[in-house]
Amino acid sequence: MTDPATLERLQDWAEVLDDSTYYEILGVLEICDDEALREAFRNFALSFHPDLFRDTPAPVQAAVRRIFQRGTEAYRVLGDRELRIRYDMGLERGKRRMEDVLAPKSELPPPISLRSKGLDELARSGGAKLAAQKASKLIDKGDLEGAKKELEKALSFDGNANQKLAEQIEAITLVLYAGGGSSG
């Protein structure tokens, strides 16, 4: 992935990232519907997911993470009707990001970088912890479909009231969608 054309494209993206709107980052029109937005993010993720650049030098990895995080931020904001309206209003005033409406990074799960360690620590009940341990092993093996099912079991054991497990399920769903797998 480190051919000169790819490196040049990454450098170009990094240079214009702060001046780009969320619509420009994902390559969609302001009137796009949810389906067009999902497809645009899927294409974006297939080009910029950090896992694709695992074997590149640290500066390249840092640039890719920054680009991917911004694309994920764009998808989160544009995919939420209320946030999108607020973003569009801010955009009219020249504001290109919604940092003030997003949770602090410390409260977010790793951005689509799946946790495999410590999932059982997120679970509350014994059954949930066991299912979360199985999910960790499945993530390590690359079986995201199986991991998602185990995390859904864990969430169920915790009475469907465990936000941190729900966020991990959402992250897996997004990775599966971005990779062309099933999302439901």
N, C-alpha and C. Protein backbone atom coordinates (compact mmCIF):
# COMPACT_ATOMS: atom_id res chain seq x y z
N MET A 1 0.81 -1.21 0.00
CA MET A 1 0.00 0.00 0.00
C MET A 1 0.85 1.26 0.00
N THR A 2 2.16 1.10 0.03
CA THR A 2 3.00 2.29 0.12
C THR A 2 3.58 2.70 -1.22
N ASP A 3 2.90 2.37 -2.30
CA ASP A 3 3.40 2.81 -3.60
C ASP A 3 3.34 4.34 -3.64
N PRO A 4 4.16 4.96 -4.48
CA PRO A 4 4.24 6.43 -4.52
C PRO A 4 2.90 7.12 -4.75
N ALA A 5 2.06 6.56 -5.58
CA ALA A 5 0.76 7.19 -5.86
C ALA A 5 -0.11 7.21 -4.60
N THR A 6 -0.09 6.12 -3.84
CA THR A 6 -0.86 6.06 -2.60
C THR A 6 -0.34 7.05 -1.58
N LEU A 7 0.98 7.12 -1.45
CA LEU A 7 1.58 8.07 -0.50
C LEU A 7 1.26 9.51 -0.89
N GLU A 8 1.28 9.79 -2.18
CA GLU A 8 0.94 11.14 -2.65
C GLU A 8 -0.52 11.47 -2.36
N ARG A 9 -1.39 10.49 -2.58
CA ARG A 9 -2.82 10.68 -2.31
C ARG A 9 -3.05 10.95 -0.82
N LEU A 10 -2.36 10.20 0.04
CA LEU A 10 -2.48 10.41 1.48
C LEU A 10 -2.00 11.80 1.88
N GLN A 11 -0.90 12.22 1.30
CA GLN A 11 -0.37 13.55 1.59
C GLN A 11 -1.36 14.63 1.14
N ASP A 12 -1.94 14.45 -0.04
CA ASP A 12 -2.93 15.41 -0.53
C ASP A 12 -4.12 15.49 0.43
N TRP A 13 -4.60 14.32 0.87
CA TRP A 13 -5.73 14.28 1.80
C TRP A 13 -5.38 14.99 3.10
N ALA A 14 -4.20 14.68 3.63
CA ALA A 14 -3.79 15.27 4.91
C ALA A 14 -3.72 16.79 4.81
N GLU A 15 -3.30 17.30 3.66
CA GLU A 15 -3.16 18.75 3.47
C GLU A 15 -4.51 19.47 3.41
N VAL A 16 -5.52 18.84 2.84
CA VAL A 16 -6.81 19.52 2.67
C VAL A 16 -7.84 19.13 3.73
N LEU A 17 -7.49 18.21 4.60
CA LEU A 17 -8.45 17.67 5.56
C LEU A 17 -9.12 18.75 6.41
N ASP A 18 -8.33 19.65 6.96
CA ASP A 18 -8.90 20.68 7.84
C ASP A 18 -9.74 21.71 7.10
N ASP A 19 -9.56 21.82 5.80
CA ASP A 19 -10.34 22.77 5.01
C ASP A 19 -11.54 22.11 4.32
N SER A 20 -11.74 20.83 4.56
CA SER A 20 -12.81 20.09 3.88
C SER A 20 -14.03 19.94 4.77
N THR A 21 -15.20 20.00 4.13
CA THR A 21 -16.44 19.74 4.86
C THR A 21 -16.62 18.23 4.97
N TYR A 22 -17.51 17.83 5.84
CA TYR A 22 -17.80 16.40 5.97
C TYR A 22 -18.33 15.84 4.65
N TYR A 23 -19.09 16.64 3.94
CA TYR A 23 -19.62 16.20 2.65
C TYR A 23 -18.48 15.96 1.66
N GLU A 24 -17.50 16.86 1.65
CA GLU A 24 -16.36 16.72 0.75
C GLU A 24 -15.51 15.51 1.12
N ILE A 25 -15.31 15.29 2.41
CA ILE A 25 -14.50 14.16 2.86
C ILE A 25 -15.09 12.85 2.38
N LEU A 26 -16.41 12.73 2.49
CA LEU A 26 -17.06 11.48 2.07
C LEU A 26 -17.46 11.49 0.60
N GLY A 27 -17.32 12.64 -0.06
CA GLY A 27 -17.63 12.70 -1.48
C GLY A 27 -19.11 12.60 -1.79
N VAL A 28 -19.94 13.24 -0.96
CA VAL A 28 -21.39 13.20 -1.17
C VAL A 28 -21.93 14.62 -1.30
N LEU A 29 -23.10 14.73 -1.90
CA LEU A 29 -23.80 16.01 -1.99
C LEU A 29 -24.52 16.28 -0.67
N GLU A 30 -24.80 17.54 -0.40
CA GLU A 30 -25.51 17.89 0.83
C GLU A 30 -26.92 17.33 0.86
N ILE A 31 -27.45 16.93 -0.27
CA ILE A 31 -28.80 16.39 -0.33
C ILE A 31 -28.81 14.86 -0.32
N CYS A 32 -27.67 14.24 -0.05
CA CYS A 32 -27.59 12.77 -0.12
C CYS A 32 -28.50 12.13 0.92
N ASP A 33 -29.00 10.94 0.59
CA ASP A 33 -29.82 10.20 1.53
C ASP A 33 -28.94 9.24 2.34
N ASP A 34 -29.55 8.53 3.28
CA ASP A 34 -28.80 7.63 4.16
C ASP A 34 -28.07 6.54 3.39
N GLU A 35 -28.71 6.01 2.36
CA GLU A 35 -28.08 4.94 1.59
C GLU A 35 -26.83 5.44 0.86
N ALA A 36 -26.92 6.61 0.26
CA ALA A 36 -25.75 7.19 -0.43
C ALA A 36 -24.64 7.49 0.57
N LEU A 37 -25.01 7.93 1.75
CA LEU A 37 -24.03 8.21 2.80
C LEU A 37 -23.32 6.93 3.23
N ARG A 38 -24.08 5.86 3.46
CA ARG A 38 -23.48 4.57 3.85
C ARG A 38 -22.54 4.06 2.77
N GLU A 39 -22.95 4.15 1.53
CA GLU A 39 -22.11 3.68 0.43
C GLU A 39 -20.83 4.51 0.33
N ALA A 40 -20.97 5.81 0.52
CA ALA A 40 -19.79 6.69 0.47
C ALA A 40 -18.83 6.35 1.60
N PHE A 41 -19.36 6.11 2.80
CA PHE A 41 -18.49 5.77 3.92
C PHE A 41 -17.84 4.41 3.70
N ARG A 42 -18.59 3.49 3.15
CA ARG A 42 -18.02 2.17 2.86
C ARG A 42 -16.82 2.31 1.92
N ASN A 43 -16.98 3.08 0.87
CA ASN A 43 -15.87 3.30 -0.08
C ASN A 43 -14.71 4.02 0.60
N PHE A 44 -15.03 5.00 1.43
CA PHE A 44 -14.00 5.72 2.17
C PHE A 44 -13.22 4.75 3.07
N ALA A 45 -13.95 3.91 3.81
CA ALA A 45 -13.31 2.96 4.73
C ALA A 45 -12.46 1.94 3.98
N LEU A 46 -12.92 1.53 2.82
CA LEU A 46 -12.14 0.57 2.03
C LEU A 46 -10.83 1.18 1.54
N SER A 47 -10.77 2.50 1.45
CA SER A 47 -9.55 3.18 1.02
C SER A 47 -8.65 3.59 2.18
N PHE A 48 -9.25 3.93 3.32
CA PHE A 48 -8.48 4.56 4.39
C PHE A 48 -8.51 3.84 5.73
N HIS A 49 -9.02 2.63 5.79
CA HIS A 49 -9.05 1.95 7.09
C HIS A 49 -7.61 1.73 7.56
N PRO A 50 -7.30 2.08 8.81
CA PRO A 50 -5.93 1.94 9.32
C PRO A 50 -5.35 0.53 9.20
N ASP A 51 -6.17 -0.49 9.26
CA ASP A 51 -5.66 -1.86 9.13
C ASP A 51 -5.00 -2.10 7.78
N LEU A 52 -5.39 -1.35 6.77
CA LEU A 52 -4.80 -1.51 5.45
C LEU A 52 -3.38 -0.98 5.40
N PHE A 53 -3.01 -0.17 6.39
CA PHE A 53 -1.70 0.49 6.39
C PHE A 53 -0.85 0.05 7.59
N ARG A 54 -1.15 -1.12 8.11
CA ARG A 54 -0.45 -1.64 9.29
C ARG A 54 1.06 -1.74 9.09
N ASP A 55 1.50 -2.07 7.90
CA ASP A 55 2.92 -2.30 7.63
C ASP A 55 3.62 -1.10 7.01
N THR A 56 3.07 0.08 7.23
CA THR A 56 3.68 1.30 6.67
C THR A 56 4.41 2.05 7.78
N PRO A 57 5.27 2.98 7.42
CA PRO A 57 5.99 3.77 8.43
C PRO A 57 5.02 4.52 9.35
N ALA A 58 5.48 4.80 10.56
CA ALA A 58 4.65 5.46 11.58
C ALA A 58 4.01 6.77 11.09
N PRO A 59 4.74 7.64 10.37
CA PRO A 59 4.09 8.88 9.91
C PRO A 59 2.92 8.62 8.96
N VAL A 60 3.04 7.60 8.13
CA VAL A 60 1.95 7.24 7.21
C VAL A 60 0.77 6.73 8.03
N GLN A 61 1.04 5.87 9.00
CA GLN A 61 -0.03 5.34 9.85
C GLN A 61 -0.75 6.47 10.59
N ALA A 62 0.02 7.44 11.08
CA ALA A 62 -0.58 8.58 11.79
C ALA A 62 -1.49 9.39 10.86
N ALA A 63 -1.03 9.62 9.64
CA ALA A 63 -1.84 10.36 8.67
C ALA A 63 -3.12 9.60 8.34
N VAL A 64 -2.99 8.30 8.15
CA VAL A 64 -4.16 7.48 7.82
C VAL A 64 -5.15 7.48 8.98
N ARG A 65 -4.65 7.34 10.20
CA ARG A 65 -5.55 7.38 11.37
C ARG A 65 -6.30 8.70 11.43
N ARG A 66 -5.60 9.79 11.19
CA ARG A 66 -6.23 11.11 11.23
C ARG A 66 -7.30 11.24 10.15
N ILE A 67 -6.99 10.80 8.95
CA ILE A 67 -7.95 10.86 7.85
C ILE A 67 -9.15 9.98 8.16
N PHE A 68 -8.89 8.75 8.62
CA PHE A 68 -9.98 7.82 8.90
C PHE A 68 -10.86 8.32 10.05
N GLN A 69 -10.23 8.87 11.08
CA GLN A 69 -11.01 9.40 12.20
C GLN A 69 -11.91 10.55 11.73
N ARG A 70 -11.40 11.39 10.86
CA ARG A 70 -12.21 12.50 10.35
C ARG A 70 -13.36 11.97 9.50
N GLY A 71 -13.10 10.95 8.69
CA GLY A 71 -14.17 10.35 7.89
C GLY A 71 -15.22 9.70 8.77
N THR A 72 -14.78 9.04 9.84
CA THR A 72 -15.71 8.43 10.78
C THR A 72 -16.55 9.50 11.47
N GLU A 73 -15.89 10.58 11.84
CA GLU A 73 -16.58 11.73 12.45
C GLU A 73 -17.64 12.27 11.48
N ALA A 74 -17.26 12.41 10.22
CA ALA A 74 -18.19 12.90 9.20
C ALA A 74 -19.40 11.98 9.09
N TYR A 75 -19.14 10.68 9.06
CA TYR A 75 -20.23 9.71 8.93
C TYR A 75 -21.15 9.77 10.15
N ARG A 76 -20.57 9.87 11.33
CA ARG A 76 -21.38 9.93 12.56
C ARG A 76 -22.28 11.16 12.55
N VAL A 77 -21.74 12.30 12.17
CA VAL A 77 -22.53 13.54 12.19
C VAL A 77 -23.57 13.54 11.08
N LEU A 78 -23.16 13.21 9.87
CA LEU A 78 -24.11 13.25 8.75
C LEU A 78 -25.16 12.15 8.83
N GLY A 79 -24.84 11.08 9.53
CA GLY A 79 -25.78 9.97 9.67
C GLY A 79 -26.81 10.17 10.77
N ASP A 80 -26.64 11.20 11.57
CA ASP A 80 -27.57 11.50 12.66
C ASP A 80 -28.36 12.75 12.25
N ARG A 81 -29.64 12.59 12.07
CA ARG A 81 -30.48 13.67 11.53
C ARG A 81 -30.31 14.98 12.30
N GLU A 82 -30.36 14.91 13.63
CA GLU A 82 -30.26 16.13 14.44
C GLU A 82 -28.87 16.76 14.32
N LEU A 83 -27.83 15.94 14.41
CA LEU A 83 -26.47 16.48 14.28
C LEU A 83 -26.24 17.06 12.89
N ARG A 84 -26.82 16.41 11.89
CA ARG A 84 -26.64 16.90 10.52
C ARG A 84 -27.27 18.28 10.34
N ILE A 85 -28.43 18.47 10.92
CA ILE A 85 -29.08 19.79 10.84
C ILE A 85 -28.21 20.83 11.52
N ARG A 86 -27.71 20.50 12.72
CA ARG A 86 -26.84 21.43 13.44
C ARG A 86 -25.56 21.68 12.66
N TYR A 87 -25.02 20.63 12.05
CA TYR A 87 -23.80 20.79 11.26
C TYR A 87 -24.04 21.71 10.07
N ASP A 88 -25.15 21.48 9.36
CA ASP A 88 -25.47 22.31 8.19
C ASP A 88 -25.63 23.78 8.59
N MET A 89 -26.23 24.02 9.76
CA MET A 89 -26.37 25.40 10.23
C MET A 89 -25.00 25.99 10.54
N GLY A 90 -24.14 25.20 11.16
CA GLY A 90 -22.78 25.66 11.45
C GLY A 90 -21.98 25.87 10.18
N LEU A 91 -22.20 25.03 9.20
CA LEU A 91 -21.49 25.12 7.93
C LEU A 91 -21.80 26.45 7.24
N GLU A 92 -23.04 26.90 7.38
CA GLU A 92 -23.42 28.20 6.81
C GLU A 92 -22.64 29.34 7.45
N ARG A 93 -22.15 29.11 8.68
CA ARG A 93 -21.34 30.12 9.38
C ARG A 93 -19.85 29.83 9.23
N GLY A 94 -19.49 28.89 8.35
CA GLY A 94 -18.09 28.59 8.10
C GLY A 94 -17.48 27.53 8.99
N LYS A 95 -18.29 26.90 9.82
CA LYS A 95 -17.78 25.87 10.72
C LYS A 95 -17.76 24.53 9.99
N ARG A 96 -16.61 23.92 9.89
CA ARG A 96 -16.47 22.68 9.12
C ARG A 96 -16.48 21.42 9.97
N ARG A 97 -16.38 21.55 11.30
CA ARG A 97 -16.36 20.38 12.19
C ARG A 97 -17.37 20.54 13.32
N MET A 98 -17.71 19.42 13.93
CA MET A 98 -18.67 19.42 15.03
C MET A 98 -18.02 18.93 16.32
N GLU A 99 -16.81 19.34 16.58
CA GLU A 99 -16.09 18.87 17.76
C GLU A 99 -16.87 19.06 19.05
N ASP A 100 -17.61 20.15 19.13
CA ASP A 100 -18.31 20.46 20.37
C ASP A 100 -19.51 19.55 20.63
N VAL A 101 -20.01 18.85 19.63
CA VAL A 101 -21.17 17.99 19.86
C VAL A 101 -20.80 16.51 19.95
N LEU A 102 -19.55 16.19 19.68
CA LEU A 102 -19.12 14.80 19.79
C LEU A 102 -18.57 14.55 21.17
N ALA A 103 -18.68 13.31 21.63
CA ALA A 103 -18.13 12.95 22.94
C ALA A 103 -16.62 13.10 22.92
N PRO A 104 -16.02 13.41 24.06
CA PRO A 104 -14.56 13.46 24.10
C PRO A 104 -13.99 12.11 23.70
N LYS A 105 -12.83 12.14 23.06
CA LYS A 105 -12.24 10.90 22.56
C LYS A 105 -12.07 9.85 23.64
N SER A 106 -11.80 10.26 24.87
CA SER A 106 -11.59 9.28 25.93
C SER A 106 -12.85 8.48 26.23
N GLU A 107 -14.02 9.00 25.86
CA GLU A 107 -15.27 8.30 26.12
C GLU A 107 -15.71 7.43 24.96
N LEU A 108 -15.03 7.52 23.85
CA LEU A 108 -15.42 6.74 22.68
C LEU A 108 -14.69 5.41 22.66
N PRO A 109 -15.31 4.38 22.08
CA PRO A 109 -14.56 3.16 21.88
C PRO A 109 -13.49 3.44 20.84
N PRO A 110 -12.48 2.61 20.76
CA PRO A 110 -11.46 2.86 19.74
C PRO A 110 -12.16 3.01 18.39
N PRO A 111 -11.81 4.05 17.59
CA PRO A 111 -12.54 4.31 16.37
C PRO A 111 -12.43 3.17 15.37
N ILE A 112 -13.40 2.36 15.37
CA ILE A 112 -13.51 1.23 14.49
C ILE A 112 -12.26 0.39 14.52
N SER A 113 -11.50 0.56 15.52
CA SER A 113 -10.35 -0.30 15.75
C SER A 113 -10.84 -1.20 16.86
N LEU A 114 -11.20 -2.37 16.51
CA LEU A 114 -11.92 -3.23 17.42
C LEU A 114 -11.10 -3.64 18.63
N ARG A 115 -11.75 -3.59 19.77
CA ARG A 115 -11.15 -4.10 20.99
C ARG A 115 -11.26 -5.60 20.96
N SER A 116 -10.20 -6.26 21.32
CA SER A 116 -10.34 -7.69 21.54
C SER A 116 -9.94 -8.00 22.97
N LYS A 117 -9.15 -7.14 23.55
CA LYS A 117 -8.72 -7.33 24.94
C LYS A 117 -9.65 -6.55 25.86
N GLY A 118 -9.98 -7.15 26.97
CA GLY A 118 -10.75 -6.44 27.99
C GLY A 118 -12.24 -6.32 27.73
N LEU A 119 -12.76 -7.02 26.73
CA LEU A 119 -14.21 -6.93 26.49
C LEU A 119 -14.97 -7.46 27.70
N ASP A 120 -14.43 -8.51 28.33
CA ASP A 120 -15.12 -9.08 29.49
C ASP A 120 -15.19 -8.07 30.65
N GLU A 121 -14.24 -7.12 30.68
CA GLU A 121 -14.27 -6.10 31.72
C GLU A 121 -15.42 -5.11 31.50
N LEU A 122 -15.91 -5.02 30.27
CA LEU A 122 -17.04 -4.14 29.99
C LEU A 122 -18.36 -4.78 30.43
N ALA A 123 -18.36 -6.11 30.51
CA ALA A 123 -19.58 -6.85 30.85
C ALA A 123 -19.81 -6.82 32.35
N ARG A 124 -21.07 -6.96 32.74
CA ARG A 124 -21.42 -6.90 34.17
C ARG A 124 -21.75 -8.27 34.74
N SER A 125 -22.60 -9.04 34.09
CA SER A 125 -23.03 -10.33 34.63
C SER A 125 -22.07 -11.44 34.21
N GLY A 126 -22.16 -12.56 34.91
CA GLY A 126 -21.30 -13.70 34.59
C GLY A 126 -21.49 -14.20 33.17
N GLY A 127 -22.74 -14.34 32.75
CA GLY A 127 -23.01 -14.80 31.39
C GLY A 127 -22.49 -13.82 30.35
N ALA A 128 -22.62 -12.54 30.65
CA ALA A 128 -22.13 -11.52 29.73
C ALA A 128 -20.61 -11.57 29.63
N LYS A 129 -19.94 -11.77 30.76
CA LYS A 129 -18.47 -11.85 30.76
C LYS A 129 -18.00 -13.03 29.92
N LEU A 130 -18.67 -14.17 30.06
CA LEU A 130 -18.30 -15.36 29.30
C LEU A 130 -18.49 -15.12 27.79
N ALA A 131 -19.62 -14.54 27.42
CA ALA A 131 -19.87 -14.25 26.00
C ALA A 131 -18.86 -13.23 25.47
N ALA A 132 -18.49 -12.25 26.29
CA ALA A 132 -17.52 -11.24 25.87
C ALA A 132 -16.13 -11.85 25.69
N GLN A 133 -15.78 -12.82 26.55
CA GLN A 133 -14.50 -13.52 26.39
C GLN A 133 -14.47 -14.28 25.06
N LYS A 134 -15.59 -14.93 24.74
CA LYS A 134 -15.68 -15.64 23.45
C LYS A 134 -15.55 -14.65 22.30
N ALA A 135 -16.19 -13.50 22.43
CA ALA A 135 -16.11 -12.47 21.39
C ALA A 135 -14.66 -12.02 21.19
N SER A 136 -13.92 -11.85 22.28
CA SER A 136 -12.51 -11.45 22.18
C SER A 136 -11.72 -12.45 21.35
N LYS A 137 -11.94 -13.72 21.64
CA LYS A 137 -11.21 -14.77 20.91
C LYS A 137 -11.59 -14.77 19.43
N LEU A 138 -12.86 -14.56 19.16
CA LEU A 138 -13.32 -14.53 17.77
C LEU A 138 -12.76 -13.32 17.02
N ILE A 139 -12.66 -12.19 17.68
CA ILE A 139 -12.06 -11.01 17.04
C ILE A 139 -10.61 -11.30 16.70
N ASP A 140 -9.89 -11.91 17.66
CA ASP A 140 -8.48 -12.25 17.42
C ASP A 140 -8.33 -13.20 16.23
N LYS A 141 -9.34 -14.06 16.01
CA LYS A 141 -9.30 -15.00 14.89
C LYS A 141 -9.82 -14.37 13.60
N GLY A 142 -10.36 -13.15 13.69
CA GLY A 142 -10.88 -12.48 12.51
C GLY A 142 -12.33 -12.80 12.20
N ASP A 143 -13.02 -13.49 13.10
CA ASP A 143 -14.42 -13.84 12.90
C ASP A 143 -15.31 -12.76 13.51
N LEU A 144 -15.50 -11.68 12.76
CA LEU A 144 -16.27 -10.56 13.30
C LEU A 144 -17.76 -10.87 13.40
N GLU A 145 -18.27 -11.67 12.47
CA GLU A 145 -19.69 -12.06 12.55
C GLU A 145 -19.95 -12.80 13.86
N GLY A 146 -19.09 -13.79 14.15
CA GLY A 146 -19.24 -14.56 15.38
C GLY A 146 -19.06 -13.68 16.61
N ALA A 147 -18.08 -12.77 16.56
CA ALA A 147 -17.83 -11.88 17.69
C ALA A 147 -19.05 -10.99 17.94
N LYS A 148 -19.64 -10.50 16.86
CA LYS A 148 -20.82 -9.65 17.00
C LYS A 148 -21.95 -10.42 17.69
N LYS A 149 -22.16 -11.68 17.28
CA LYS A 149 -23.22 -12.49 17.89
C LYS A 149 -22.95 -12.70 19.38
N GLU A 150 -21.69 -12.97 19.74
CA GLU A 150 -21.35 -13.16 21.15
C GLU A 150 -21.55 -11.87 21.95
N LEU A 151 -21.18 -10.74 21.36
CA LEU A 151 -21.38 -9.47 22.07
C LEU A 151 -22.87 -9.15 22.21
N GLU A 152 -23.66 -9.53 21.21
CA GLU A 152 -25.11 -9.34 21.33
C GLU A 152 -25.66 -10.20 22.46
N LYS A 153 -25.12 -11.43 22.61
CA LYS A 153 -25.51 -12.27 23.75
C LYS A 153 -25.12 -11.60 25.06
N ALA A 154 -23.89 -11.08 25.11
CA ALA A 154 -23.41 -10.41 26.32
C ALA A 154 -24.32 -9.24 26.68
N LEU A 155 -24.68 -8.46 25.68
CA LEU A 155 -25.55 -7.32 25.91
C LEU A 155 -26.90 -7.79 26.45
N SER A 156 -27.40 -8.87 25.90
CA SER A 156 -28.66 -9.43 26.36
C SER A 156 -28.56 -9.88 27.82
N PHE A 157 -27.45 -10.55 28.15
CA PHE A 157 -27.24 -10.97 29.54
C PHE A 157 -27.20 -9.77 30.49
N ASP A 158 -26.72 -8.65 30.00
CA ASP A 158 -26.66 -7.44 30.82
C ASP A 158 -27.94 -6.62 30.70
N GLY A 159 -29.00 -7.23 30.25
CA GLY A 159 -30.30 -6.56 30.19
C GLY A 159 -30.41 -5.49 29.13
N ASN A 160 -29.59 -5.60 28.06
CA ASN A 160 -29.59 -4.61 26.98
C ASN A 160 -29.37 -3.19 27.49
N ALA A 161 -28.66 -3.07 28.60
CA ALA A 161 -28.45 -1.76 29.20
C ALA A 161 -26.96 -1.48 29.44
N ASN A 162 -26.12 -1.99 28.56
CA ASN A 162 -24.68 -1.79 28.72
C ASN A 162 -24.18 -1.01 27.51
N GLN A 163 -24.04 0.30 27.68
CA GLN A 163 -23.68 1.19 26.57
C GLN A 163 -22.33 0.83 25.96
N LYS A 164 -21.36 0.45 26.78
CA LYS A 164 -20.02 0.15 26.26
C LYS A 164 -20.04 -1.08 25.36
N LEU A 165 -20.80 -2.11 25.75
CA LEU A 165 -20.93 -3.28 24.87
C LEU A 165 -21.68 -2.89 23.60
N ALA A 166 -22.71 -2.08 23.73
CA ALA A 166 -23.47 -1.64 22.55
C ALA A 166 -22.56 -0.88 21.58
N GLU A 167 -21.64 -0.07 22.11
CA GLU A 167 -20.71 0.67 21.25
C GLU A 167 -19.77 -0.29 20.51
N GLN A 168 -19.34 -1.35 21.16
CA GLN A 168 -18.47 -2.32 20.50
C GLN A 168 -19.23 -3.06 19.40
N ILE A 169 -20.49 -3.39 19.66
CA ILE A 169 -21.32 -4.04 18.63
C ILE A 169 -21.47 -3.10 17.44
N GLU A 170 -21.70 -1.82 17.72
CA GLU A 170 -21.83 -0.83 16.65
C GLU A 170 -20.54 -0.72 15.84
N ALA A 171 -19.40 -0.76 16.53
CA ALA A 171 -18.11 -0.69 15.84
C ALA A 171 -17.92 -1.89 14.92
N ILE A 172 -18.26 -3.08 15.42
CA ILE A 172 -18.14 -4.28 14.59
C ILE A 172 -19.09 -4.19 13.40
N THR A 173 -20.31 -3.75 13.64
CA THR A 173 -21.29 -3.62 12.56
C THR A 173 -20.76 -2.69 11.47
N LEU A 174 -20.16 -1.59 11.88
CA LEU A 174 -19.62 -0.63 10.92
C LEU A 174 -18.46 -1.22 10.13
N VAL A 175 -17.59 -1.95 10.81
CA VAL A 175 -16.46 -2.59 10.12
C VAL A 175 -16.99 -3.64 9.14
N LEU A 176 -17.97 -4.43 9.57
CA LEU A 176 -18.55 -5.43 8.67
C LEU A 176 -19.19 -4.75 7.46
N TYR A 177 -19.90 -3.65 7.69
CA TYR A 177 -20.53 -2.94 6.59
C TYR A 177 -19.48 -2.37 5.65
N ALA A 178 -18.46 -1.75 6.23
CA ALA A 178 -17.40 -1.15 5.41
C ALA A 178 -16.68 -2.20 4.59
N GLY A 179 -16.58 -3.40 5.13
CA GLY A 179 -15.89 -4.47 4.42
C GLY A 179 -16.79 -5.25 3.50
N GLY A 180 -18.06 -4.90 3.45
CA GLY A 180 -18.99 -5.58 2.56
C GLY A 180 -19.67 -6.77 3.20
N GLY A 181 -19.44 -6.99 4.51
CA GLY A 181 -20.10 -8.09 5.21
C GLY A 181 -21.51 -7.68 5.57
N SER A 182 -22.22 -8.57 6.27
CA SER A 182 -23.58 -8.23 6.67
C SER A 182 -23.53 -7.26 7.83
N SER A 183 -24.57 -6.53 8.03
CA SER A 183 -24.61 -5.56 9.13
C SER A 183 -25.82 -5.78 10.01
N GLY A 184 -26.48 -6.87 9.88
CA GLY A 184 -27.63 -7.05 10.73
C GLY A 184 -27.86 -8.45 10.94
